[in-house]
C-alpha atoms as a PDB file:
ATOM      1  CA  UNK A   1     -15.056  -2.176  -2.636  1.00  0.00           C
ATOM      2  CA  UNK A   2     -11.364  -2.861  -2.263  1.00  0.00           C
ATOM      3  CA  UNK A   3     -10.397  -2.657   1.429  1.00  0.00           C
ATOM      4  CA  UNK A   4      -6.736  -1.862   1.978  1.00  0.00           C
ATOM      5  CA  UNK A   5      -5.213  -2.182   5.484  1.00  0.00           C
ATOM      6  CA  UNK A   6      -2.654   0.704   5.725  1.00  0.00           C
ATOM      7  CA  UNK A   7       0.667  -0.978   6.742  1.00  0.00           C
ATOM      8  CA  UNK A   8      -1.367  -3.884   7.963  1.00  0.00           C
ATOM      9  CA  UNK A   9      -3.502  -1.896  10.441  1.00  0.00           C
ATOM     10  CA  UNK A  10      -7.099  -3.015  10.681  1.00  0.00           C
ATOM     11  CA  UNK A  11      -8.457  -1.151  13.789  1.00  0.00           C
ATOM     12  CA  UNK A  12      -6.229   1.802  14.357  1.00  0.00           C
ATOM     13  CA  UNK A  13      -2.520   2.518  14.206  1.00  0.00           C
ATOM     14  CA  UNK A  14      -0.008   0.080  15.630  1.00  0.00           C
ATOM     15  CA  UNK A  15       3.393   1.618  15.059  1.00  0.00           C
ATOM     16  CA  UNK A  16       5.154  -1.282  16.759  1.00  0.00           C
ATOM     17  CA  UNK A  17       3.880  -3.705  14.191  1.00  0.00           C
ATOM     18  CA  UNK A  18       3.279  -1.682  11.019  1.00  0.00           C
ATOM     19  CA  UNK A  19       4.875  -3.298   7.940  1.00  0.00           C
ATOM     20  CA  UNK A  20       6.017  -6.298   9.911  1.00  0.00           C
ATOM     21  CA  UNK A  21       5.610  -9.336   7.658  1.00  0.00           C
ATOM     22  CA  UNK A  22       3.509 -11.385  10.037  1.00  0.00           C
ATOM     23  CA  UNK A  23       1.254  -8.382  10.787  1.00  0.00           C
ATOM     24  CA  UNK A  24       0.641  -7.946   6.991  1.00  0.00           C
ATOM     25  CA  UNK A  25      -0.013 -11.629   6.604  1.00  0.00           C
ATOM     26  CA  UNK A  26      -2.620 -11.497   9.395  1.00  0.00           C
ATOM     27  CA  UNK A  27      -4.575  -8.726   7.473  1.00  0.00           C
ATOM     28  CA  UNK A  28      -4.166 -10.648   4.160  1.00  0.00           C
ATOM     29  CA  UNK A  29      -5.463 -13.754   5.762  1.00  0.00           C
ATOM     30  CA  UNK A  30      -8.628 -11.929   7.006  1.00  0.00           C
ATOM     31  CA  UNK A  31      -9.323 -10.994   3.316  1.00  0.00           C
ATOM     32  CA  UNK A  32      -7.909  -7.494   3.202  1.00  0.00           C
ATOM     33  CA  UNK A  33      -5.433  -6.026   0.729  1.00  0.00           C
ATOM     34  CA  UNK A  34      -2.508  -4.293   2.332  1.00  0.00           C
ATOM     35  CA  UNK A  35      -0.437  -1.243   1.555  1.00  0.00           C
ATOM     36  CA  UNK A  36       3.206  -1.772   2.590  1.00  0.00           C
ATOM     37  CA  UNK A  37       6.243   0.524   2.637  1.00  0.00           C
ATOM     38  CA  UNK A  38       9.142  -0.856   0.685  1.00  0.00           C
ATOM     39  CA  UNK A  39      12.867   0.251   0.426  1.00  0.00           C
ATOM     40  CA  UNK A  40      15.549  -0.827  -1.781  1.00  0.00           C
ATOM     41  CA  UNK A  41      18.825   0.042   0.161  1.00  0.00           C
ATOM     42  CA  UNK A  42      22.308  -1.291   0.074  1.00  0.00           C
ATOM     43  CA  UNK A  43      21.288  -3.833  -2.650  1.00  0.00           C
ATOM     44  CA  UNK A  44      18.362  -5.388  -0.849  1.00  0.00           C
ATOM     45  CA  UNK A  45      14.678  -4.905  -0.348  1.00  0.00           C
ATOM     46  CA  UNK A  46      13.369  -4.115   3.106  1.00  0.00           C
ATOM     47  CA  UNK A  47       9.981  -3.004   4.710  1.00  0.00           C
ATOM     48  CA  UNK A  48       9.410  -0.171   7.006  1.00  0.00           C
ATOM     49  CA  UNK A  49       7.846   3.326   7.112  1.00  0.00           C
ATOM     50  CA  UNK A  50      10.471   5.780   8.230  1.00  0.00           C
ATOM     51  CA  UNK A  51      13.377   3.482   7.795  1.00  0.00           C
ATOM     52  CA  UNK A  52      13.998   0.000   6.244  1.00  0.00           C
ATOM     53  CA  UNK A  53      13.268  -2.208   9.252  1.00  0.00           C
ATOM     54  CA  UNK A  54      12.162  -5.753   8.226  1.00  0.00           C
ATOM     55  CA  UNK A  55      13.357  -8.256   5.832  1.00  0.00           C
ATOM     56  CA  UNK A  56      11.511  -8.227   2.501  1.00  0.00           C
ATOM     57  CA  UNK A  57       9.109 -11.275   2.464  1.00  0.00           C
ATOM     58  CA  UNK A  58       9.476 -12.544  -1.061  1.00  0.00           C
ATOM     59  CA  UNK A  59       7.399 -15.555  -0.326  1.00  0.00           C
ATOM     60  CA  UNK A  60       4.562 -13.343   0.969  1.00  0.00           C
ATOM     61  CA  UNK A  61       4.910 -11.120  -2.114  1.00  0.00           C
ATOM     62  CA  UNK A  62       4.664 -14.017  -4.503  1.00  0.00           C
ATOM     63  CA  UNK A  63       1.711 -15.548  -2.727  1.00  0.00           C
ATOM     64  CA  UNK A  64      -0.357 -12.338  -2.171  1.00  0.00           C
ATOM     65  CA  UNK A  65       0.908 -10.110  -5.021  1.00  0.00           C
ATOM     66  CA  UNK A  66      -2.612  -9.370  -6.231  1.00  0.00           C
ATOM     67  CA  UNK A  67      -3.531  -8.028  -2.791  1.00  0.00           C
ATOM     68  CA  UNK A  68      -0.451  -5.868  -2.104  1.00  0.00           C
ATOM     69  CA  UNK A  69       0.049  -2.184  -2.736  1.00  0.00           C
ATOM     70  CA  UNK A  70       3.775  -1.573  -2.599  1.00  0.00           C
ATOM     71  CA  UNK A  71       4.647   1.946  -1.641  1.00  0.00           C
ATOM     72  CA  UNK A  72       8.107   2.640  -2.942  1.00  0.00           C
ATOM     73  CA  UNK A  73       9.755   4.890  -0.302  1.00  0.00           C
ATOM     74  CA  UNK A  74      12.503   6.199  -2.678  1.00  0.00           C
ATOM     75  CA  UNK A  75      13.090   6.490  -6.456  1.00  0.00           C
ATOM     76  CA  UNK A  76      15.706   3.647  -6.351  1.00  0.00           C
ATOM     77  CA  UNK A  77      12.970   1.336  -4.864  1.00  0.00           C
ATOM     78  CA  UNK A  78      10.507   2.386  -7.615  1.00  0.00           C
ATOM     79  CA  UNK A  79      13.053   1.543 -10.333  1.00  0.00           C
ATOM     80  CA  UNK A  80      13.849  -1.916  -8.812  1.00  0.00           C
ATOM     81  CA  UNK A  81      10.161  -2.687  -8.551  1.00  0.00           C
ATOM     82  CA  UNK A  82       9.691  -1.573 -12.125  1.00  0.00           C
ATOM     83  CA  UNK A  83      12.547  -3.934 -13.085  1.00  0.00           C
ATOM     84  CA  UNK A  84      10.872  -6.848 -11.192  1.00  0.00           C
ATOM     85  CA  UNK A  85       7.530  -6.158 -12.694  1.00  0.00           C
ATOM     86  CA  UNK A  86       8.813  -6.070 -16.238  1.00  0.00           C
ATOM     87  CA  UNK A  87      10.032  -9.605 -15.628  1.00  0.00           C
ATOM     88  CA  UNK A  88       6.424 -10.840 -15.145  1.00  0.00           C
ATOM     89  CA  UNK A  89       5.751 -10.369 -11.436  1.00  0.00           C
ATOM     90  CA  UNK A  90       2.652  -8.118 -12.071  1.00  0.00           C
ATOM     91  CA  UNK A  91       3.175  -6.040  -8.944  1.00  0.00           C
ATOM     92  CA  UNK A  92       1.101  -3.102  -7.883  1.00  0.00           C
ATOM     93  CA  UNK A  93       3.462  -0.307  -6.768  1.00  0.00           C
ATOM     94  CA  UNK A  94       3.672   3.397  -6.687  1.00  0.00           C
ATOM     95  CA  UNK A  95       5.876   6.357  -5.559  1.00  0.00           C
ATOM     96  CA  UNK A  96       4.671   9.765  -4.444  1.00  0.00           C
ATOM     97  CA  UNK A  97       5.846  12.874  -2.807  1.00  0.00           C
ATOM     98  CA  UNK A  98       3.157  15.604  -2.526  1.00  0.00           C
ATOM     99  CA  UNK A  99       0.841  14.975  -5.373  1.00  0.00           C
ATOM    100  CA  UNK A 100      -2.973  15.026  -5.012  1.00  0.00           C
ATOM    101  CA  UNK A 101      -3.198  11.745  -6.793  1.00  0.00           C
ATOM    102  CA  UNK A 102      -0.961   9.361  -8.697  1.00  0.00           C
ATOM    103  CA  UNK A 103      -1.534   6.247 -10.798  1.00  0.00           C
ATOM    104  CA  UNK A 104      -0.168   2.917  -9.523  1.00  0.00           C
ATOM    105  CA  UNK A 105       1.630   0.529 -11.783  1.00  0.00           C
ATOM    106  CA  UNK A 106      -1.781  -1.228 -12.392  1.00  0.00           C
ATOM    107  CA  UNK A 107      -3.412   2.115 -13.219  1.00  0.00           C
ATOM    108  CA  UNK A 108      -5.358   2.626 -10.040  1.00  0.00           C
ATOM    109  CA  UNK A 109      -5.942   6.239  -9.006  1.00  0.00           C
ATOM    110  CA  UNK A 110      -4.392   6.663  -5.608  1.00  0.00           C
ATOM    111  CA  UNK A 111      -6.025   9.866  -4.168  1.00  0.00           C
ATOM    112  CA  UNK A 112      -4.640  11.480  -1.043  1.00  0.00           C
ATOM    113  CA  UNK A 113      -6.811  12.553   2.004  1.00  0.00           C
ATOM    114  CA  UNK A 114      -9.145  15.422   1.307  1.00  0.00           C
ATOM    115  CA  UNK A 115      -9.295  14.903  -2.456  1.00  0.00           C
ATOM    116  CA  UNK A 116     -12.536  12.898  -2.798  1.00  0.00           C
ATOM    117  CA  UNK A 117     -14.824  12.283  -4.538  1.00  0.00           C
ATOM    118  CA  UNK A 118     -12.897  11.043  -7.512  1.00  0.00           C
ATOM    119  CA  UNK A 119     -14.428   8.456  -9.738  1.00  0.00           C
ATOM    120  CA  UNK A 120     -12.929   4.908  -9.621  1.00  0.00           C
ATOM    121  CA  UNK A 121     -10.158   5.986  -7.198  1.00  0.00           C
ATOM    122  CA  UNK A 122      -8.719   4.486  -4.059  1.00  0.00           C
ATOM    123  CA  UNK A 123      -9.476   6.880  -1.185  1.00  0.00           C
ATOM    124  CA  UNK A 124      -6.612   7.112   1.202  1.00  0.00           C
ATOM    125  CA  UNK A 125      -7.437   7.810   4.882  1.00  0.00           C
ATOM    126  CA  UNK A 126     -10.942   9.270   4.046  1.00  0.00           C
ATOM    127  CA  UNK A 127     -11.632   9.536   7.829  1.00  0.00           C
ATOM    128  CA  UNK A 128      -9.122  12.360   8.102  1.00  0.00           C
ATOM    129  CA  UNK A 129     -11.468  14.762   6.272  1.00  0.00           C
ATOM    130  CA  UNK A 130     -14.739  12.926   6.280  1.00  0.00           C
ATOM    131  CA  UNK A 131     -14.285  12.371   2.484  1.00  0.00           C
ATOM    132  CA  UNK A 132     -17.175  11.332   0.298  1.00  0.00           C
ATOM    133  CA  UNK A 133     -16.155   7.925  -0.932  1.00  0.00           C
ATOM    134  CA  UNK A 134     -19.176   7.086  -2.908  1.00  0.00           C
ATOM    135  CA  UNK A 135     -17.283   7.236  -6.235  1.00  0.00           C
ATOM    136  CA  UNK A 136     -14.306   5.411  -4.944  1.00  0.00           C
ATOM    137  CA  UNK A 137     -13.638   1.704  -5.744  1.00  0.00           C
ATOM    138  CA  UNK A 138     -11.405   1.237  -2.723  1.00  0.00           C
ATOM    139  CA  UNK A 139     -10.309   2.628   0.655  1.00  0.00           C
ATOM    140  CA  UNK A 140      -6.967   2.531   2.334  1.00  0.00           C
ATOM    141  CA  UNK A 141      -7.167   3.141   6.011  1.00  0.00           C
ATOM    142  CA  UNK A 142      -5.661   2.335   9.430  1.00  0.00           C
ATOM    143  CA  UNK A 143      -9.356   1.641  10.474  1.00  0.00           C
ATOM    144  CA  UNK A 144     -10.204  -0.494   7.468  1.00  0.00           C
ATOM    145  CA  UNK A 145     -12.528  -2.684   9.616  1.00  0.00           C
ATOM    146  CA  UNK A 146     -14.849   0.352   9.756  1.00  0.00           C
ATOM    147  CA  UNK A 147     -15.506   0.144   5.952  1.00  0.00           C
END
């Protein structure tokens, strides 16, 4: 099962550190994948949930690209990630608004809380609704250590 630390969280929400490059690296170094929030604003990439807060860690992205799930926070970001990916970076990124599920750039089914069970999907925050994740291939959670 793919275990994805939501914004780098392993054992509960930590709003002060979420999406911080060093926090993400800590989760990656412990063997987890990470979902991170990415912005492309004023001609540069940044990380942050509600707003672009941290410098974009290109070195981290290059080293751990196979373990990162890049959540484009706006359409401009999605377009820029698409441009980067078509140049051979092989990024796993996605954008969503209110859909029940979406496909990531690597064709993973990203299913929102309360929508399980879905075969071969990534179950997002299954603890919110006590989702049945028996058919999922992965989980994204703030409490990923519990899976």
